[in-house]
């Protein structure tokens, strides 16, 4: 039996997201911030030189387009600034400790359609309707990789 998708709308709540278990299916409608390496370094540069964030990441979801952004330093930076969950490719199992420490989630696209939609989006932020995702790393640090 296939699990039903849990509908989640913007703004994402930390309390709700912490309740998700690994492999839960989510249908998300709302805003996601998209970072590639250039965009992320620009965001950090602004904060270092101006002393304030370019825009608030509190209670937001961040899509990391570049695999190189999946490092413990980058994730810690985002989680301290209030990011509720990250979206991206299958994360490395070694990163589960940082997700557990901050009680955050990592979401992965459920199907090819969702993956193509995410890959086409330009850096900045974008609005999505019924984006199909699943929990790859739970707030408790459990890891799940779907076998195709």
C-alpha atoms as a PDB file:
ATOM      1  CA  UNK A   1       0.000   0.000   0.000  1.00  0.00           C
ATOM      2  CA  UNK A   2       1.353   3.410  -0.942  1.00  0.00           C
ATOM      3  CA  UNK A   3       1.448   6.172   1.631  1.00  0.00           C
ATOM      4  CA  UNK A   4      -0.690   9.255   1.039  1.00  0.00           C
ATOM      5  CA  UNK A   5       0.998  12.601   0.504  1.00  0.00           C
ATOM      6  CA  UNK A   6       0.838  14.981   3.453  1.00  0.00           C
ATOM      7  CA  UNK A   7      -0.129  18.451   2.242  1.00  0.00           C
ATOM      8  CA  UNK A   8       2.018  21.271   3.615  1.00  0.00           C
ATOM      9  CA  UNK A   9       1.575  24.936   2.775  1.00  0.00           C
ATOM     10  CA  UNK A  10       3.726  28.012   3.234  1.00  0.00           C
ATOM     11  CA  UNK A  11       4.973  29.066   5.775  1.00  0.00           C
ATOM     12  CA  UNK A  12       6.561  25.846   6.967  1.00  0.00           C
ATOM     13  CA  UNK A  13       6.406  25.301  10.710  1.00  0.00           C
ATOM     14  CA  UNK A  14       9.391  23.882  12.606  1.00  0.00           C
ATOM     15  CA  UNK A  15       7.016  22.051  14.914  1.00  0.00           C
ATOM     16  CA  UNK A  16       5.185  20.367  12.038  1.00  0.00           C
ATOM     17  CA  UNK A  17       8.367  19.511  10.150  1.00  0.00           C
ATOM     18  CA  UNK A  18       9.972  17.962  13.228  1.00  0.00           C
ATOM     19  CA  UNK A  19       7.065  15.513  13.443  1.00  0.00           C
ATOM     20  CA  UNK A  20       7.778  14.021   9.999  1.00  0.00           C
ATOM     21  CA  UNK A  21       9.354  10.604   9.884  1.00  0.00           C
ATOM     22  CA  UNK A  22      11.889   9.397   7.381  1.00  0.00           C
ATOM     23  CA  UNK A  23      10.282   8.360   4.053  1.00  0.00           C
ATOM     24  CA  UNK A  24       7.096  10.419   4.668  1.00  0.00           C
ATOM     25  CA  UNK A  25       5.661  11.816   1.449  1.00  0.00           C
ATOM     26  CA  UNK A  26       4.990  15.562   1.292  1.00  0.00           C
ATOM     27  CA  UNK A  27       3.100  17.693  -1.198  1.00  0.00           C
ATOM     28  CA  UNK A  28       4.433  21.232  -0.645  1.00  0.00           C
ATOM     29  CA  UNK A  29       2.824  24.445  -1.850  1.00  0.00           C
ATOM     30  CA  UNK A  30       4.699  27.666  -1.214  1.00  0.00           C
ATOM     31  CA  UNK A  31       8.020  29.454  -1.453  1.00  0.00           C
ATOM     32  CA  UNK A  32      11.446  27.845  -1.542  1.00  0.00           C
ATOM     33  CA  UNK A  33      14.745  29.742  -1.616  1.00  0.00           C
ATOM     34  CA  UNK A  34      17.105  28.413  -4.275  1.00  0.00           C
ATOM     35  CA  UNK A  35      20.855  28.603  -3.708  1.00  0.00           C
ATOM     36  CA  UNK A  36      23.638  27.739  -6.076  1.00  0.00           C
ATOM     37  CA  UNK A  37      27.253  28.273  -5.048  1.00  0.00           C
ATOM     38  CA  UNK A  38      27.490  31.803  -6.506  1.00  0.00           C
ATOM     39  CA  UNK A  39      24.188  32.945  -4.978  1.00  0.00           C
ATOM     40  CA  UNK A  40      25.063  31.473  -1.572  1.00  0.00           C
ATOM     41  CA  UNK A  41      28.488  33.150  -1.472  1.00  0.00           C
ATOM     42  CA  UNK A  42      26.847  36.453  -2.419  1.00  0.00           C
ATOM     43  CA  UNK A  43      24.368  36.054   0.482  1.00  0.00           C
ATOM     44  CA  UNK A  44      27.225  35.365   2.946  1.00  0.00           C
ATOM     45  CA  UNK A  45      29.310  38.236   1.520  1.00  0.00           C
ATOM     46  CA  UNK A  46      26.444  40.687   2.086  1.00  0.00           C
ATOM     47  CA  UNK A  47      25.967  39.541   5.679  1.00  0.00           C
ATOM     48  CA  UNK A  48      29.695  39.753   6.471  1.00  0.00           C
ATOM     49  CA  UNK A  49      30.051  43.278   5.067  1.00  0.00           C
ATOM     50  CA  UNK A  50      26.704  44.829   5.987  1.00  0.00           C
ATOM     51  CA  UNK A  51      26.210  43.105   9.340  1.00  0.00           C
ATOM     52  CA  UNK A  52      22.676  42.064   8.483  1.00  0.00           C
ATOM     53  CA  UNK A  53      21.072  39.381   6.350  1.00  0.00           C
ATOM     54  CA  UNK A  54      20.129  40.198   2.780  1.00  0.00           C
ATOM     55  CA  UNK A  55      16.742  38.577   3.492  1.00  0.00           C
ATOM     56  CA  UNK A  56      15.470  36.527   6.403  1.00  0.00           C
ATOM     57  CA  UNK A  57      15.709  32.750   6.145  1.00  0.00           C
ATOM     58  CA  UNK A  58      13.684  32.186   9.298  1.00  0.00           C
ATOM     59  CA  UNK A  59      11.008  29.496   8.762  1.00  0.00           C
ATOM     60  CA  UNK A  60      12.001  28.979   5.131  1.00  0.00           C
ATOM     61  CA  UNK A  61      12.971  25.995   2.995  1.00  0.00           C
ATOM     62  CA  UNK A  62      16.232  26.129   1.042  1.00  0.00           C
ATOM     63  CA  UNK A  63      16.938  24.203  -2.159  1.00  0.00           C
ATOM     64  CA  UNK A  64      20.664  23.605  -2.592  1.00  0.00           C
ATOM     65  CA  UNK A  65      21.250  23.215  -6.334  1.00  0.00           C
ATOM     66  CA  UNK A  66      24.946  22.533  -6.039  1.00  0.00           C
ATOM     67  CA  UNK A  67      26.166  19.297  -4.450  1.00  0.00           C
ATOM     68  CA  UNK A  68      29.190  21.186  -3.081  1.00  0.00           C
ATOM     69  CA  UNK A  69      26.845  23.150  -0.794  1.00  0.00           C
ATOM     70  CA  UNK A  70      26.035  19.976   1.146  1.00  0.00           C
ATOM     71  CA  UNK A  71      28.702  20.452   3.774  1.00  0.00           C
ATOM     72  CA  UNK A  72      28.320  20.632   7.531  1.00  0.00           C
ATOM     73  CA  UNK A  73      29.514  24.275   7.545  1.00  0.00           C
ATOM     74  CA  UNK A  74      26.919  25.391   4.985  1.00  0.00           C
ATOM     75  CA  UNK A  75      24.107  23.475   6.645  1.00  0.00           C
ATOM     76  CA  UNK A  76      24.996  24.840  10.080  1.00  0.00           C
ATOM     77  CA  UNK A  77      25.039  28.379   8.650  1.00  0.00           C
ATOM     78  CA  UNK A  78      21.554  27.911   7.159  1.00  0.00           C
ATOM     79  CA  UNK A  79      20.073  26.199  10.226  1.00  0.00           C
ATOM     80  CA  UNK A  80      21.351  28.898  12.594  1.00  0.00           C
ATOM     81  CA  UNK A  81      19.571  31.459  10.413  1.00  0.00           C
ATOM     82  CA  UNK A  82      16.287  29.569  10.772  1.00  0.00           C
ATOM     83  CA  UNK A  83      15.971  27.349   7.703  1.00  0.00           C
ATOM     84  CA  UNK A  84      13.413  24.632   8.523  1.00  0.00           C
ATOM     85  CA  UNK A  85      14.432  22.119   5.850  1.00  0.00           C
ATOM     86  CA  UNK A  86      16.719  21.680   2.893  1.00  0.00           C
ATOM     87  CA  UNK A  87      15.715  20.273  -0.464  1.00  0.00           C
ATOM     88  CA  UNK A  88      18.110  18.710  -2.887  1.00  0.00           C
ATOM     89  CA  UNK A  89      19.691  15.549  -4.082  1.00  0.00           C
ATOM     90  CA  UNK A  90      20.236  12.454  -1.993  1.00  0.00           C
ATOM     91  CA  UNK A  91      22.347  13.761   0.866  1.00  0.00           C
ATOM     92  CA  UNK A  92      25.347  11.951   2.215  1.00  0.00           C
ATOM     93  CA  UNK A  93      24.623   9.744   5.209  1.00  0.00           C
ATOM     94  CA  UNK A  94      27.493  11.404   7.089  1.00  0.00           C
ATOM     95  CA  UNK A  95      25.423  14.618   7.380  1.00  0.00           C
ATOM     96  CA  UNK A  96      22.709  13.053   9.546  1.00  0.00           C
ATOM     97  CA  UNK A  97      24.352  14.312  12.739  1.00  0.00           C
ATOM     98  CA  UNK A  98      23.955  17.979  11.743  1.00  0.00           C
ATOM     99  CA  UNK A  99      20.286  17.441  10.866  1.00  0.00           C
ATOM    100  CA  UNK A 100      19.763  15.714  14.212  1.00  0.00           C
ATOM    101  CA  UNK A 101      21.613  18.433  16.152  1.00  0.00           C
ATOM    102  CA  UNK A 102      19.382  21.182  14.729  1.00  0.00           C
ATOM    103  CA  UNK A 103      16.230  18.992  14.390  1.00  0.00           C
ATOM    104  CA  UNK A 104      15.876  19.808  10.705  1.00  0.00           C
ATOM    105  CA  UNK A 105      14.808  17.796   7.640  1.00  0.00           C
ATOM    106  CA  UNK A 106      16.290  17.047   4.273  1.00  0.00           C
ATOM    107  CA  UNK A 107      13.715  16.598   1.526  1.00  0.00           C
ATOM    108  CA  UNK A 108      14.294  14.881  -1.800  1.00  0.00           C
ATOM    109  CA  UNK A 109      12.155  15.087  -4.938  1.00  0.00           C
ATOM    110  CA  UNK A 110       9.750  12.173  -5.170  1.00  0.00           C
ATOM    111  CA  UNK A 111       9.626  11.795  -8.931  1.00  0.00           C
ATOM    112  CA  UNK A 112      11.353  12.952 -12.107  1.00  0.00           C
ATOM    113  CA  UNK A 113       8.751  15.669 -12.680  1.00  0.00           C
ATOM    114  CA  UNK A 114       9.517  17.338  -9.367  1.00  0.00           C
ATOM    115  CA  UNK A 115      13.263  16.981  -9.962  1.00  0.00           C
ATOM    116  CA  UNK A 116      13.021  18.632 -13.392  1.00  0.00           C
ATOM    117  CA  UNK A 117      10.959  21.497 -11.971  1.00  0.00           C
ATOM    118  CA  UNK A 118      13.563  22.126  -9.267  1.00  0.00           C
ATOM    119  CA  UNK A 119      16.515  21.949 -11.668  1.00  0.00           C
ATOM    120  CA  UNK A 120      14.997  24.523 -14.058  1.00  0.00           C
ATOM    121  CA  UNK A 121      14.458  27.181 -11.386  1.00  0.00           C
ATOM    122  CA  UNK A 122      16.878  30.102 -11.297  1.00  0.00           C
ATOM    123  CA  UNK A 123      18.578  31.100  -8.011  1.00  0.00           C
ATOM    124  CA  UNK A 124      16.572  33.390  -5.756  1.00  0.00           C
ATOM    125  CA  UNK A 125      13.218  32.154  -4.634  1.00  0.00           C
ATOM    126  CA  UNK A 126      10.337  30.493  -6.399  1.00  0.00           C
ATOM    127  CA  UNK A 127       6.746  29.564  -5.684  1.00  0.00           C
ATOM    128  CA  UNK A 128       5.707  25.948  -6.094  1.00  0.00           C
ATOM    129  CA  UNK A 129       2.345  24.212  -6.140  1.00  0.00           C
ATOM    130  CA  UNK A 130       2.048  20.580  -5.054  1.00  0.00           C
ATOM    131  CA  UNK A 131       5.774  19.861  -5.270  1.00  0.00           C
ATOM    132  CA  UNK A 132       6.132  16.178  -4.419  1.00  0.00           C
ATOM    133  CA  UNK A 133       8.929  15.412  -1.972  1.00  0.00           C
ATOM    134  CA  UNK A 134       9.894  12.758   0.533  1.00  0.00           C
ATOM    135  CA  UNK A 135      11.854  12.962   3.774  1.00  0.00           C
ATOM    136  CA  UNK A 136      15.406  11.741   3.165  1.00  0.00           C
ATOM    137  CA  UNK A 137      16.809  12.708   6.579  1.00  0.00           C
ATOM    138  CA  UNK A 138      14.460  13.163   9.505  1.00  0.00           C
ATOM    139  CA  UNK A 139      14.812  15.594  12.412  1.00  0.00           C
ATOM    140  CA  UNK A 140      15.905  12.626  14.543  1.00  0.00           C
ATOM    141  CA  UNK A 141      18.777  11.959  12.152  1.00  0.00           C
ATOM    142  CA  UNK A 142      17.398   8.854  10.464  1.00  0.00           C
ATOM    143  CA  UNK A 143      18.471   8.380   6.860  1.00  0.00           C
ATOM    144  CA  UNK A 144      16.439   7.008   3.949  1.00  0.00           C
ATOM    145  CA  UNK A 145      17.427   6.479   0.326  1.00  0.00           C
ATOM    146  CA  UNK A 146      14.748   5.302  -2.047  1.00  0.00           C
ATOM    147  CA  UNK A 147      15.771   2.442  -4.297  1.00  0.00           C
ATOM    148  CA  UNK A 148      14.532   2.778  -7.847  1.00  0.00           C
END
